[in-house]
C-alpha cells in the first residue's frame, strides 16, 4: 500500500468498490447531521449558559461531534478510493479514536453529574 496516493475518479460513476452515486449521496446527510449537531449544541450552550462558563462535560460532548464530522468527511474519499495510502488510514483511525474518547469521556461526566449521585 502506498504512503499517500490521489486518484482522479469520476464520482458519478460506480466506484472501484462497486459503490454507486446513491451511496455517495447517503453520506451528505450523515456529514451534515454531525456538523449541524455540533453547530446547534454550541449555539444552545452559549444561549443557555450566557455569561456563565460552559461545563466541561458539554464541551467534551461538543468536541466529539466536531471530530465525528471530520471522521465522516474523510470516510468518503477512503471508500471511493479517491485518496489511498497508509497515512490517510492512520489519520482516519486516529480521528475516530479521538472522537470516541471525547464522546465516552463527555458522556461519562454527564452521567456522573446528572444520574449517579
PDB file of N, CA and C in Angstrom:
ATOM      1  N   UNK A   1       0.853  -1.173   0.000  1.00  0.00           N
ATOM      2  CA  UNK A   1       0.000   0.000   0.000  1.00  0.00           C
ATOM      3  C   UNK A   1       0.900   1.238   0.000  1.00  0.00           C
ATOM      4  N   UNK A   2       0.582   2.224  -0.840  1.00  0.00           N
ATOM      5  CA  UNK A   2       1.407   3.429  -0.910  1.00  0.00           C
ATOM      6  C   UNK A   2       1.245   4.297   0.351  1.00  0.00           C
ATOM      7  N   UNK A   3       2.180   5.208   0.538  1.00  0.00           N
ATOM      8  CA  UNK A   3       2.111   6.138   1.676  1.00  0.00           C
ATOM      9  C   UNK A   3       0.924   7.077   1.499  1.00  0.00           C
ATOM     10  N   UNK A   4       0.797   7.698   0.335  1.00  0.00           N
ATOM     11  CA  UNK A   4      -0.334   8.578   0.031  1.00  0.00           C
ATOM     12  C   UNK A   4      -0.423   8.710  -1.485  1.00  0.00           C
ATOM     13  N   UNK A   5      -1.603   8.466  -2.024  1.00  0.00           N
ATOM     14  CA  UNK A   5      -1.779   8.486  -3.469  1.00  0.00           C
ATOM     15  C   UNK A   5      -3.170   9.022  -3.788  1.00  0.00           C
ATOM     16  N   UNK A   6      -3.252   9.901  -4.780  1.00  0.00           N
ATOM     17  CA  UNK A   6      -4.521  10.501  -5.177  1.00  0.00           C
ATOM     18  C   UNK A   6      -4.954   9.914  -6.516  1.00  0.00           C
ATOM     19  N   UNK A   7      -6.249   9.621  -6.644  1.00  0.00           N
ATOM     20  CA  UNK A   7      -6.797   9.076  -7.887  1.00  0.00           C
ATOM     21  C   UNK A   7      -7.893  10.002  -8.392  1.00  0.00           C
ATOM     22  N   UNK A   8      -7.859  10.298  -9.679  1.00  0.00           N
ATOM     23  CA  UNK A   8      -8.912  11.092 -10.295  1.00  0.00           C
ATOM     24  C   UNK A   8      -9.960  10.125 -10.837  1.00  0.00           C
ATOM     25  N   UNK A   9     -11.031   9.963 -10.081  1.00  0.00           N
ATOM     26  CA  UNK A   9     -12.101   9.036 -10.454  1.00  0.00           C
ATOM     27  C   UNK A   9     -13.399   9.827 -10.545  1.00  0.00           C
ATOM     28  N   UNK A  10     -14.166   9.563 -11.568  1.00  0.00           N
ATOM     29  CA  UNK A  10     -15.447  10.234 -11.754  1.00  0.00           C
ATOM     30  C   UNK A  10     -16.396   9.842 -10.621  1.00  0.00           C
ATOM     31  N   UNK A  11     -16.824  10.805  -9.788  1.00  0.00           N
ATOM     32  CA  UNK A  11     -17.707  10.458  -8.671  1.00  0.00           C
ATOM     33  C   UNK A  11     -19.106  10.036  -9.101  1.00  0.00           C
ATOM     34  N   UNK A  12     -19.478  10.315 -10.355  1.00  0.00           N
ATOM     35  CA  UNK A  12     -20.808   9.945 -10.820  1.00  0.00           C
ATOM     36  C   UNK A  12     -20.877   8.495 -11.294  1.00  0.00           C
ATOM     37  N   UNK A  13     -19.736   7.896 -11.548  1.00  0.00           N
ATOM     38  CA  UNK A  13     -19.733   6.506 -11.981  1.00  0.00           C
ATOM     39  C   UNK A  13     -19.637   5.597 -10.754  1.00  0.00           C
ATOM     40  N   UNK A  14     -19.842   4.321 -10.989  1.00  0.00           N
ATOM     41  CA  UNK A  14     -19.718   3.363  -9.900  1.00  0.00           C
ATOM     42  C   UNK A  14     -18.241   3.265  -9.529  1.00  0.00           C
ATOM     43  N   UNK A  15     -17.970   3.404  -8.253  1.00  0.00           N
ATOM     44  CA  UNK A  15     -16.594   3.422  -7.770  1.00  0.00           C
ATOM     45  C   UNK A  15     -15.922   2.076  -7.885  1.00  0.00           C
ATOM     46  N   UNK A  16     -14.633   2.021  -7.554  1.00  0.00           N
ATOM     47  CA  UNK A  16     -13.860   0.783  -7.681  1.00  0.00           C
ATOM     48  C   UNK A  16     -14.354  -0.332  -6.757  1.00  0.00           C
ATOM     49  N   UNK A  17     -15.029   0.030  -5.698  1.00  0.00           N
ATOM     50  CA  UNK A  17     -15.556  -0.990  -4.792  1.00  0.00           C
ATOM     51  C   UNK A  17     -17.014  -1.324  -5.108  1.00  0.00           C
ATOM     52  N   UNK A  18     -17.517  -0.837  -6.235  1.00  0.00           N
ATOM     53  CA  UNK A  18     -18.909  -1.078  -6.606  1.00  0.00           C
ATOM     54  C   UNK A  18     -19.870  -0.123  -5.923  1.00  0.00           C
ATOM     55  N   UNK A  19     -19.356   0.995  -5.398  1.00  0.00           N
ATOM     56  CA  UNK A  19     -20.194   1.962  -4.697  1.00  0.00           C
ATOM     57  C   UNK A  19     -20.813   2.913  -5.708  1.00  0.00           C
ATOM     58  N   UNK A  20     -22.070   3.156  -5.596  1.00  0.00           N
ATOM     59  CA  UNK A  20     -22.781   3.987  -6.556  1.00  0.00           C
ATOM     60  C   UNK A  20     -22.892   5.427  -6.084  1.00  0.00           C
ATOM     61  N   UNK A  21     -23.438   6.264  -6.944  1.00  0.00           N
ATOM     62  CA  UNK A  21     -23.710   7.655  -6.599  1.00  0.00           C
ATOM     63  C   UNK A  21     -24.680   7.718  -5.424  1.00  0.00           C
ATOM     64  N   UNK A  22     -25.625   6.803  -5.373  1.00  0.00           N
ATOM     65  CA  UNK A  22     -26.587   6.742  -4.264  1.00  0.00           C
ATOM     66  C   UNK A  22     -25.861   6.618  -2.930  1.00  0.00           C
ATOM     67  N   UNK A  23     -24.854   5.768  -2.885  1.00  0.00           N
ATOM     68  CA  UNK A  23     -24.088   5.573  -1.655  1.00  0.00           C
ATOM     69  C   UNK A  23     -23.332   6.850  -1.287  1.00  0.00           C
ATOM     70  N   UNK A  24     -22.811   7.541  -2.289  1.00  0.00           N
ATOM     71  CA  UNK A  24     -22.117   8.800  -2.051  1.00  0.00           C
ATOM     72  C   UNK A  24     -23.089   9.847  -1.493  1.00  0.00           C
ATOM     73  N   UNK A  25     -24.279   9.913  -2.065  1.00  0.00           N
ATOM     74  CA  UNK A  25     -25.273  10.890  -1.612  1.00  0.00           C
ATOM     75  C   UNK A  25     -25.794  10.593  -0.210  1.00  0.00           C
ATOM     76  N   UNK A  26     -25.727   9.347   0.202  1.00  0.00           N
ATOM     77  CA  UNK A  26     -26.150   8.975   1.563  1.00  0.00           C
ATOM     78  C   UNK A  26     -25.247   9.647   2.599  1.00  0.00           C
ATOM     79  N   UNK A  27     -23.990   9.878   2.248  1.00  0.00           N
ATOM     80  CA  UNK A  27     -23.062  10.471   3.209  1.00  0.00           C
ATOM     81  C   UNK A  27     -23.319  11.964   3.439  1.00  0.00           C
ATOM     82  N   UNK A  28     -23.987  12.621   2.529  1.00  0.00           N
ATOM     83  CA  UNK A  28     -24.265  14.049   2.699  1.00  0.00           C
ATOM     84  C   UNK A  28     -25.102  14.300   3.957  1.00  0.00           C
ATOM     85  N   UNK A  29     -26.232  13.585   4.171  1.00  0.00           N
ATOM     86  CA  UNK A  29     -26.979  13.821   5.412  1.00  0.00           C
ATOM     87  C   UNK A  29     -26.218  13.394   6.670  1.00  0.00           C
ATOM     88  N   UNK A  30     -25.351  12.400   6.538  1.00  0.00           N
ATOM     89  CA  UNK A  30     -24.570  11.953   7.698  1.00  0.00           C
ATOM     90  C   UNK A  30     -23.592  13.044   8.116  1.00  0.00           C
ATOM     91  N   UNK A  31     -22.821  13.540   7.153  1.00  0.00           N
ATOM     92  CA  UNK A  31     -21.858  14.610   7.452  1.00  0.00           C
ATOM     93  C   UNK A  31     -22.605  15.864   7.911  1.00  0.00           C
ATOM     94  N   UNK A  32     -23.670  16.200   7.199  1.00  0.00           N
ATOM     95  CA  UNK A  32     -24.473  17.367   7.586  1.00  0.00           C
ATOM     96  C   UNK A  32     -25.079  17.228   8.967  1.00  0.00           C
ATOM     97  N   UNK A  33     -25.528  16.032   9.298  1.00  0.00           N
ATOM     98  CA  UNK A  33     -26.125  15.799  10.614  1.00  0.00           C
ATOM     99  C   UNK A  33     -25.136  15.998  11.747  1.00  0.00           C
ATOM    100  N   UNK A  34     -23.942  15.424  11.607  1.00  0.00           N
ATOM    101  CA  UNK A  34     -22.923  15.618  12.641  1.00  0.00           C
ATOM    102  C   UNK A  34     -22.510  17.083  12.729  1.00  0.00           C
ATOM    103  N   UNK A  35     -22.326  17.717  11.576  1.00  0.00           N
ATOM    104  CA  UNK A  35     -21.935  19.129  11.570  1.00  0.00           C
ATOM    105  C   UNK A  35     -23.006  20.024  12.169  1.00  0.00           C
ATOM    106  N   UNK A  36     -24.264  19.788  11.806  1.00  0.00           N
ATOM    107  CA  UNK A  36     -25.352  20.582  12.369  1.00  0.00           C
ATOM    108  C   UNK A  36     -25.516  20.317  13.866  1.00  0.00           C
ATOM    109  N   UNK A  37     -25.310  19.070  14.290  1.00  0.00           N
ATOM    110  CA  UNK A  37     -25.389  18.764  15.722  1.00  0.00           C
ATOM    111  C   UNK A  37     -24.337  19.554  16.481  1.00  0.00           C
ATOM    112  N   UNK A  38     -23.111  19.591  15.974  1.00  0.00           N
ATOM    113  CA  UNK A  38     -22.049  20.357  16.634  1.00  0.00           C
ATOM    114  C   UNK A  38     -22.401  21.840  16.672  1.00  0.00           C
ATOM    115  N   UNK A  39     -22.916  22.357  15.557  1.00  0.00           N
ATOM    116  CA  UNK A  39     -23.288  23.775  15.490  1.00  0.00           C
ATOM    117  C   UNK A  39     -24.392  24.110  16.482  1.00  0.00           C
ATOM    118  N   UNK A  40     -25.470  23.309  16.502  1.00  0.00           N
ATOM    119  CA  UNK A  40     -26.597  23.613  17.371  1.00  0.00           C
ATOM    120  C   UNK A  40     -26.306  23.331  18.842  1.00  0.00           C
ATOM    121  N   UNK A  41     -25.428  22.392  19.132  1.00  0.00           N
ATOM    122  CA  UNK A  41     -25.043  22.151  20.531  1.00  0.00           C
ATOM    123  C   UNK A  41     -24.338  23.377  21.090  1.00  0.00           C
ATOM    124  N   UNK A  42     -23.359  23.892  20.354  1.00  0.00           N
ATOM    125  CA  UNK A  42     -22.629  25.055  20.862  1.00  0.00           C
ATOM    126  C   UNK A  42     -23.523  26.291  20.887  1.00  0.00           C
ATOM    127  N   UNK A  43     -24.415  26.420  19.926  1.00  0.00           N
ATOM    128  CA  UNK A  43     -25.345  27.555  19.909  1.00  0.00           C
ATOM    129  C   UNK A  43     -26.282  27.494  21.118  1.00  0.00           C
ATOM    130  N   UNK A  44     -26.797  26.309  21.403  1.00  0.00           N
ATOM    131  CA  UNK A  44     -27.683  26.134  22.552  1.00  0.00           C
ATOM    132  C   UNK A  44     -26.938  26.408  23.858  1.00  0.00           C
ATOM    133  N   UNK A  45     -25.737  25.858  23.977  1.00  0.00           N
ATOM    134  CA  UNK A  45     -24.985  26.033  25.217  1.00  0.00           C
ATOM    135  C   UNK A  45     -24.641  27.498  25.465  1.00  0.00           C
ATOM    136  N   UNK A  46     -24.275  28.230  24.436  1.00  0.00           N
ATOM    137  CA  UNK A  46     -23.969  29.655  24.599  1.00  0.00           C
ATOM    138  C   UNK A  46     -25.208  30.435  25.017  1.00  0.00           C
ATOM    139  N   UNK A  47     -26.353  30.073  24.469  1.00  0.00           N
ATOM    140  CA  UNK A  47     -27.592  30.771  24.835  1.00  0.00           C
ATOM    141  C   UNK A  47     -28.034  30.378  26.245  1.00  0.00           C
ATOM    142  N   UNK A  48     -27.955  29.085  26.570  1.00  0.00           N
ATOM    143  CA  UNK A  48     -28.423  28.605  27.868  1.00  0.00           C
ATOM    144  C   UNK A  48     -27.542  29.106  29.011  1.00  0.00           C
ATOM    145  N   UNK A  49     -26.224  29.017  28.843  1.00  0.00           N
ATOM    146  CA  UNK A  49     -25.318  29.407  29.917  1.00  0.00           C
ATOM    147  C   UNK A  49     -24.977  30.889  29.903  1.00  0.00           C
ATOM    148  N   UNK A  50     -25.171  31.563  28.779  1.00  0.00           N
ATOM    149  CA  UNK A  50     -24.915  33.002  28.709  1.00  0.00           C
ATOM    150  C   UNK A  50     -23.480  33.333  29.077  1.00  0.00           C
ATOM    151  N   UNK A  51     -23.327  34.168  30.097  1.00  0.00           N
ATOM    152  CA  UNK A  51     -22.003  34.591  30.545  1.00  0.00           C
ATOM    153  C   UNK A  51     -21.350  33.586  31.493  1.00  0.00           C
ATOM    154  N   UNK A  52     -22.125  32.618  31.965  1.00  0.00           N
ATOM    155  CA  UNK A  52     -21.557  31.603  32.861  1.00  0.00           C
ATOM    156  C   UNK A  52     -20.678  30.653  32.057  1.00  0.00           C
ATOM    157  N   UNK A  53     -19.700  30.043  32.719  1.00  0.00           N
ATOM    158  CA  UNK A  53     -18.845  29.083  31.985  1.00  0.00           C
ATOM    159  C   UNK A  53     -19.616  27.809  31.621  1.00  0.00           C
ATOM    160  N   UNK A  54     -19.351  27.312  30.424  1.00  0.00           N
ATOM    161  CA  UNK A  54     -19.995  26.067  29.969  1.00  0.00           C
ATOM    162  C   UNK A  54     -19.284  24.905  30.651  1.00  0.00           C
ATOM    163  N   UNK A  55     -20.042  23.970  31.247  1.00  0.00           N
ATOM    164  CA  UNK A  55     -19.409  22.834  31.924  1.00  0.00           C
ATOM    165  C   UNK A  55     -18.551  21.986  30.981  1.00  0.00           C
ATOM    166  N   UNK A  56     -17.522  21.388  31.569  1.00  0.00           N
ATOM    167  CA  UNK A  56     -16.561  20.604  30.796  1.00  0.00           C
ATOM    168  C   UNK A  56     -17.221  19.453  30.059  1.00  0.00           C
ATOM    169  N   UNK A  57     -18.216  18.789  30.689  1.00  0.00           N
ATOM    170  CA  UNK A  57     -18.848  17.634  30.050  1.00  0.00           C
ATOM    171  C   UNK A  57     -19.556  18.013  28.755  1.00  0.00           C
ATOM    172  N   UNK A  58     -20.146  19.212  28.711  1.00  0.00           N
ATOM    173  CA  UNK A  58     -20.814  19.634  27.485  1.00  0.00           C
ATOM    174  C   UNK A  58     -19.805  20.027  26.412  1.00  0.00           C
ATOM    175  N   UNK A  59     -18.688  20.622  26.833  1.00  0.00           N
ATOM    176  CA  UNK A  59     -17.647  20.952  25.858  1.00  0.00           C
ATOM    177  C   UNK A  59     -17.070  19.687  25.226  1.00  0.00           C
ATOM    178  N   UNK A  60     -16.877  18.644  26.035  1.00  0.00           N
ATOM    179  CA  UNK A  60     -16.354  17.384  25.508  1.00  0.00           C
ATOM    180  C   UNK A  60     -17.342  16.737  24.547  1.00  0.00           C
ATOM    181  N   UNK A  61     -18.624  16.790  24.886  1.00  0.00           N
ATOM    182  CA  UNK A  61     -19.650  16.230  24.009  1.00  0.00           C
ATOM    183  C   UNK A  61     -19.671  16.983  22.685  1.00  0.00           C
ATOM    184  N   UNK A  62     -19.508  18.300  22.727  1.00  0.00           N
ATOM    185  CA  UNK A  62     -19.456  19.100  21.509  1.00  0.00           C
ATOM    186  C   UNK A  62     -18.223  18.742  20.685  1.00  0.00           C
ATOM    187  N   UNK A  63     -17.073  18.586  21.325  1.00  0.00           N
ATOM    188  CA  UNK A  63     -15.854  18.198  20.617  1.00  0.00           C
ATOM    189  C   UNK A  63     -16.006  16.834  19.943  1.00  0.00           C
ATOM    190  N   UNK A  64     -16.736  15.929  20.582  1.00  0.00           N
ATOM    191  CA  UNK A  64     -16.984  14.621  19.973  1.00  0.00           C
ATOM    192  C   UNK A  64     -17.745  14.774  18.661  1.00  0.00           C
ATOM    193  N   UNK A  65     -18.712  15.673  18.607  1.00  0.00           N
ATOM    194  CA  UNK A  65     -19.471  15.897  17.370  1.00  0.00           C
ATOM    195  C   UNK A  65     -18.589  16.519  16.288  1.00  0.00           C
ATOM    196  N   UNK A  66     -17.705  17.423  16.671  1.00  0.00           N
ATOM    197  CA  UNK A  66     -16.796  18.044  15.701  1.00  0.00           C
ATOM    198  C   UNK A  66     -15.866  16.987  15.101  1.00  0.00           C
ATOM    199  N   UNK A  67     -15.252  16.153  15.943  1.00  0.00           N
ATOM    200  CA  UNK A  67     -14.336  15.119  15.454  1.00  0.00           C
ATOM    201  C   UNK A  67     -15.081  14.060  14.645  1.00  0.00           C
ATOM    202  N   UNK A  68     -16.329  13.763  15.008  1.00  0.00           N
ATOM    203  CA  UNK A  68     -17.114  12.797  14.224  1.00  0.00           C
ATOM    204  C   UNK A  68     -17.411  13.348  12.831  1.00  0.00           C
ATOM    205  N   UNK A  69     -17.626  14.650  12.725  1.00  0.00           N
ATOM    206  CA  UNK A  69     -17.839  15.275  11.420  1.00  0.00           C
ATOM    207  C   UNK A  69     -16.592  15.143  10.558  1.00  0.00           C
ATOM    208  N   UNK A  70     -15.427  15.400  11.130  1.00  0.00           N
ATOM    209  CA  UNK A  70     -14.166  15.252  10.395  1.00  0.00           C
ATOM    210  C   UNK A  70     -13.970  13.801   9.961  1.00  0.00           C
ATOM    211  N   UNK A  71     -14.297  12.888  10.842  1.00  0.00           N
ATOM    212  CA  UNK A  71     -14.196  11.451  10.544  1.00  0.00           C
ATOM    213  C   UNK A  71     -15.053  11.085   9.335  1.00  0.00           C
ATOM    214  N   UNK A  72     -16.280  11.565   9.310  1.00  0.00           N
ATOM    215  CA  UNK A  72     -17.178  11.252   8.192  1.00  0.00           C
ATOM    216  C   UNK A  72     -16.702  11.898   6.893  1.00  0.00           C
ATOM    217  N   UNK A  73     -16.124  13.088   6.979  1.00  0.00           N
ATOM    218  CA  UNK A  73     -15.604  13.738   5.775  1.00  0.00           C
ATOM    219  C   UNK A  73     -14.444  12.960   5.167  1.00  0.00           C
ATOM    220  N   UNK A  74     -13.626  12.341   5.989  1.00  0.00           N
ATOM    221  CA  UNK A  74     -12.502  11.559   5.485  1.00  0.00           C
ATOM    222  C   UNK A  74     -12.960  10.197   4.965  1.00  0.00           C
ATOM    223  N   UNK A  75     -14.071   9.701   5.461  1.00  0.00           N
ATOM    224  CA  UNK A  75     -14.536   8.365   5.083  1.00  0.00           C
ATOM    225  C   UNK A  75     -14.904   8.260   3.600  1.00  0.00           C
ATOM    226  N   UNK A  76     -15.488   9.301   3.044  1.00  0.00           N
ATOM    227  CA  UNK A  76     -15.925   9.243   1.640  1.00  0.00           C
ATOM    228  C   UNK A  76     -14.754   9.048   0.680  1.00  0.00           C
ATOM    229  N   UNK A  77     -13.678   9.844   0.754  1.00  0.00           N
ATOM    230  CA  UNK A  77     -12.547   9.588  -0.165  1.00  0.00           C
ATOM    231  C   UNK A  77     -11.912   8.222   0.038  1.00  0.00           C
ATOM    232  N   UNK A  78     -11.956   7.710   1.262  1.00  0.00           N
ATOM    233  CA  UNK A  78     -11.401   6.374   1.500  1.00  0.00           C
ATOM    234  C   UNK A  78     -12.275   5.315   0.837  1.00  0.00           C
ATOM    235  N   UNK A  79     -13.594   5.411   1.013  1.00  0.00           N
ATOM    236  CA  UNK A  79     -14.492   4.411   0.434  1.00  0.00           C
ATOM    237  C   UNK A  79     -14.414   4.389  -1.080  1.00  0.00           C
ATOM    238  N   UNK A  80     -14.356   5.567  -1.691  1.00  0.00           N
ATOM    239  CA  UNK A  80     -14.309   5.642  -3.147  1.00  0.00           C
ATOM    240  C   UNK A  80     -12.903   5.523  -3.705  1.00  0.00           C
ATOM    241  N   UNK A  81     -11.923   5.386  -2.827  1.00  0.00           N
ATOM    242  CA  UNK A  81     -10.518   5.256  -3.197  1.00  0.00           C
ATOM    243  C   UNK A  81     -10.034   6.437  -4.024  1.00  0.00           C
ATOM    244  N   UNK A  82     -10.534   7.640  -3.699  1.00  0.00           N
ATOM    245  CA  UNK A  82     -10.032   8.848  -4.333  1.00  0.00           C
ATOM    246  C   UNK A  82      -8.651   9.151  -3.778  1.00  0.00           C
ATOM    247  N   UNK A  83      -8.487   8.874  -2.493  1.00  0.00           N
ATOM    248  CA  UNK A  83      -7.192   9.031  -1.835  1.00  0.00           C
ATOM    249  C   UNK A  83      -6.917   7.718  -1.119  1.00  0.00           C
ATOM    250  N   UNK A  84      -5.780   7.147  -1.366  1.00  0.00           N
ATOM    251  CA  UNK A  84      -5.433   5.903  -0.691  1.00  0.00           C
ATOM    252  C   UNK A  84      -4.043   6.036  -0.088  1.00  0.00           C
ATOM    253  N   UNK A  85      -3.763   5.198   0.861  1.00  0.00           N
ATOM    254  CA  UNK A  85      -2.437   5.188   1.454  1.00  0.00           C
ATOM    255  C   UNK A  85      -2.474   4.988   2.950  1.00  0.00           C
ATOM    256  N   UNK A  86      -1.335   4.643   3.460  1.00  0.00           N
ATOM    257  CA  UNK A  86      -1.205   4.353   4.883  1.00  0.00           C
ATOM    258  C   UNK A  86      -1.426   5.593   5.740  1.00  0.00           C
ATOM    259  N   UNK A  87      -0.961   6.739   5.269  1.00  0.00           N
ATOM    260  CA  UNK A  87      -1.104   7.974   6.042  1.00  0.00           C
ATOM    261  C   UNK A  87      -2.570   8.297   6.269  1.00  0.00           C
ATOM    262  N   UNK A  88      -3.374   8.200   5.223  1.00  0.00           N
ATOM    263  CA  UNK A  88      -4.799   8.516   5.347  1.00  0.00           C
ATOM    264  C   UNK A  88      -5.503   7.547   6.289  1.00  0.00           C
ATOM    265  N   UNK A  89      -5.175   6.278   6.201  1.00  0.00           N
ATOM    266  CA  UNK A  89      -5.791   5.284   7.079  1.00  0.00           C
ATOM    267  C   UNK A  89      -5.408   5.539   8.534  1.00  0.00           C
ATOM    268  N   UNK A  90      -4.146   5.875   8.770  1.00  0.00           N
ATOM    269  CA  UNK A  90      -3.697   6.173  10.133  1.00  0.00           C
ATOM    270  C   UNK A  90      -4.420   7.409  10.670  1.00  0.00           C
ATOM    271  N   UNK A  91      -4.507   8.456   9.865  1.00  0.00           N
ATOM    272  CA  UNK A  91      -5.207   9.678  10.283  1.00  0.00           C
ATOM    273  C   UNK A  91      -6.679   9.381  10.542  1.00  0.00           C
ATOM    274  N   UNK A  92      -7.302   8.575   9.668  1.00  0.00           N
ATOM    275  CA  UNK A  92      -8.708   8.204   9.803  1.00  0.00           C
ATOM    276  C   UNK A  92      -8.964   7.517  11.145  1.00  0.00           C
ATOM    277  N   UNK A  93      -8.146   6.521  11.477  1.00  0.00           N
ATOM    278  CA  UNK A  93      -8.333   5.809  12.744  1.00  0.00           C
ATOM    279  C   UNK A  93      -7.991   6.687  13.943  1.00  0.00           C
ATOM    280  N   UNK A  94      -6.988   7.538  13.802  1.00  0.00           N
ATOM    281  CA  UNK A  94      -6.623   8.453  14.879  1.00  0.00           C
ATOM    282  C   UNK A  94      -7.781   9.397  15.202  1.00  0.00           C
ATOM    283  N   UNK A  95      -8.401   9.965  14.165  1.00  0.00           N
ATOM    284  CA  UNK A  95      -9.540  10.862  14.358  1.00  0.00           C
ATOM    285  C   UNK A  95     -10.722  10.103  14.951  1.00  0.00           C
ATOM    286  N   UNK A  96     -10.936   8.879  14.503  1.00  0.00           N
ATOM    287  CA  UNK A  96     -12.022   8.062  15.043  1.00  0.00           C
ATOM    288  C   UNK A  96     -11.805   7.789  16.534  1.00  0.00           C
ATOM    289  N   UNK A  97     -10.574   7.509  16.914  1.00  0.00           N
ATOM    290  CA  UNK A  97     -10.260   7.261  18.321  1.00  0.00           C
ATOM    291  C   UNK A  97     -10.462   8.526  19.147  1.00  0.00           C
ATOM    292  N   UNK A  98     -10.022   9.670  18.631  1.00  0.00           N
ATOM    293  CA  UNK A  98     -10.208  10.932  19.350  1.00  0.00           C
ATOM    294  C   UNK A  98     -11.695  11.216  19.556  1.00  0.00           C
ATOM    295  N   UNK A  99     -12.505  11.051  18.495  1.00  0.00           N
ATOM    296  CA  UNK A  99     -13.946  11.277  18.614  1.00  0.00           C
ATOM    297  C   UNK A  99     -14.560  10.339  19.649  1.00  0.00           C
ATOM    298  N   UNK A 100     -14.145   9.084  19.639  1.00  0.00           N
ATOM    299  CA  UNK A 100     -14.667   8.114  20.609  1.00  0.00           C
ATOM    300  C   UNK A 100     -14.285   8.461  22.033  1.00  0.00           C
ATOM    301  N   UNK A 101     -13.036   8.893  22.231  1.00  0.00           N
ATOM    302  CA  UNK A 101     -12.596   9.272  23.580  1.00  0.00           C
ATOM    303  C   UNK A 101     -13.398  10.461  24.096  1.00  0.00           C
ATOM    304  N   UNK A 102     -13.558  11.488  23.266  1.00  0.00           N
ATOM    305  CA  UNK A 102     -14.349  12.650  23.685  1.00  0.00           C
ATOM    306  C   UNK A 102     -15.792  12.266  23.997  1.00  0.00           C
ATOM    307  N   UNK A 103     -16.376  11.415  23.157  1.00  0.00           N
ATOM    308  CA  UNK A 103     -17.767  11.013  23.372  1.00  0.00           C
ATOM    309  C   UNK A 103     -17.929  10.217  24.664  1.00  0.00           C
ATOM    310  N   UNK A 104     -17.055   9.251  24.886  1.00  0.00           N
ATOM    311  CA  UNK A 104     -17.143   8.436  26.098  1.00  0.00           C
ATOM    312  C   UNK A 104     -16.851   9.274  27.336  1.00  0.00           C
ATOM    313  N   UNK A 105     -15.838  10.114  27.272  1.00  0.00           N
ATOM    314  CA  UNK A 105     -15.464  10.940  28.415  1.00  0.00           C
ATOM    315  C   UNK A 105     -16.571  11.935  28.754  1.00  0.00           C
ATOM    316  N   UNK A 106     -17.095  12.623  27.723  1.00  0.00           N
ATOM    317  CA  UNK A 106     -18.182  13.583  27.952  1.00  0.00           C
ATOM    318  C   UNK A 106     -19.443  12.905  28.464  1.00  0.00           C
ATOM    319  N   UNK A 107     -19.772  11.752  27.902  1.00  0.00           N
ATOM    320  CA  UNK A 107     -20.960  11.016  28.346  1.00  0.00           C
ATOM    321  C   UNK A 107     -20.784  10.527  29.782  1.00  0.00           C
ATOM    322  N   UNK A 108     -19.593  10.068  30.116  1.00  0.00           N
ATOM    323  CA  UNK A 108     -19.314   9.639  31.484  1.00  0.00           C
ATOM    324  C   UNK A 108     -19.499  10.791  32.468  1.00  0.00           C
ATOM    325  N   UNK A 109     -18.954  11.968  32.127  1.00  0.00           N
ATOM    326  CA  UNK A 109     -19.093  13.119  33.018  1.00  0.00           C
ATOM    327  C   UNK A 109     -20.542  13.568  33.136  1.00  0.00           C
ATOM    328  N   UNK A 110     -21.292  13.500  32.025  1.00  0.00           N
ATOM    329  CA  UNK A 110     -22.717  13.844  32.089  1.00  0.00           C
ATOM    330  C   UNK A 110     -23.476  12.862  32.974  1.00  0.00           C
ATOM    331  N   UNK A 111     -23.203  11.574  32.799  1.00  0.00           N
ATOM    332  CA  UNK A 111     -23.880  10.559  33.611  1.00  0.00           C
ATOM    333  C   UNK A 111     -23.499  10.707  35.075  1.00  0.00           C
ATOM    334  N   UNK A 112     -22.239  10.979  35.334  1.00  0.00           N
ATOM    335  CA  UNK A 112     -21.755  11.131  36.708  1.00  0.00           C
ATOM    336  C   UNK A 112     -22.429  12.324  37.386  1.00  0.00           C
ATOM    337  N   UNK A 113     -22.596  13.395  36.638  1.00  0.00           N
ATOM    338  CA  UNK A 113     -23.171  14.630  37.215  1.00  0.00           C
ATOM    339  C   UNK A 113     -24.687  14.551  37.373  1.00  0.00           C
ATOM    340  N   UNK A 114     -25.375  13.966  36.399  1.00  0.00           N
ATOM    341  CA  UNK A 114     -26.839  14.050  36.394  1.00  0.00           C
ATOM    342  C   UNK A 114     -27.569  12.777  36.821  1.00  0.00           C
ATOM    343  N   UNK A 115     -26.918  11.635  36.792  1.00  0.00           N
ATOM    344  CA  UNK A 115     -27.639  10.412  37.170  1.00  0.00           C
ATOM    345  C   UNK A 115     -27.082   9.731  38.399  1.00  0.00           C
ATOM    346  N   UNK A 116     -25.791   9.650  38.529  1.00  0.00           N
ATOM    347  CA  UNK A 116     -25.183   8.963  39.665  1.00  0.00           C
ATOM    348  C   UNK A 116     -24.881   9.976  40.746  1.00  0.00           C
ATOM    349  N   UNK A 117     -25.527   9.846  41.873  1.00  0.00           N
ATOM    350  CA  UNK A 117     -25.325  10.800  42.971  1.00  0.00           C
ATOM    351  C   UNK A 117     -24.559  10.193  44.107  1.00  0.00           C
TER     352      UNK A 117
END
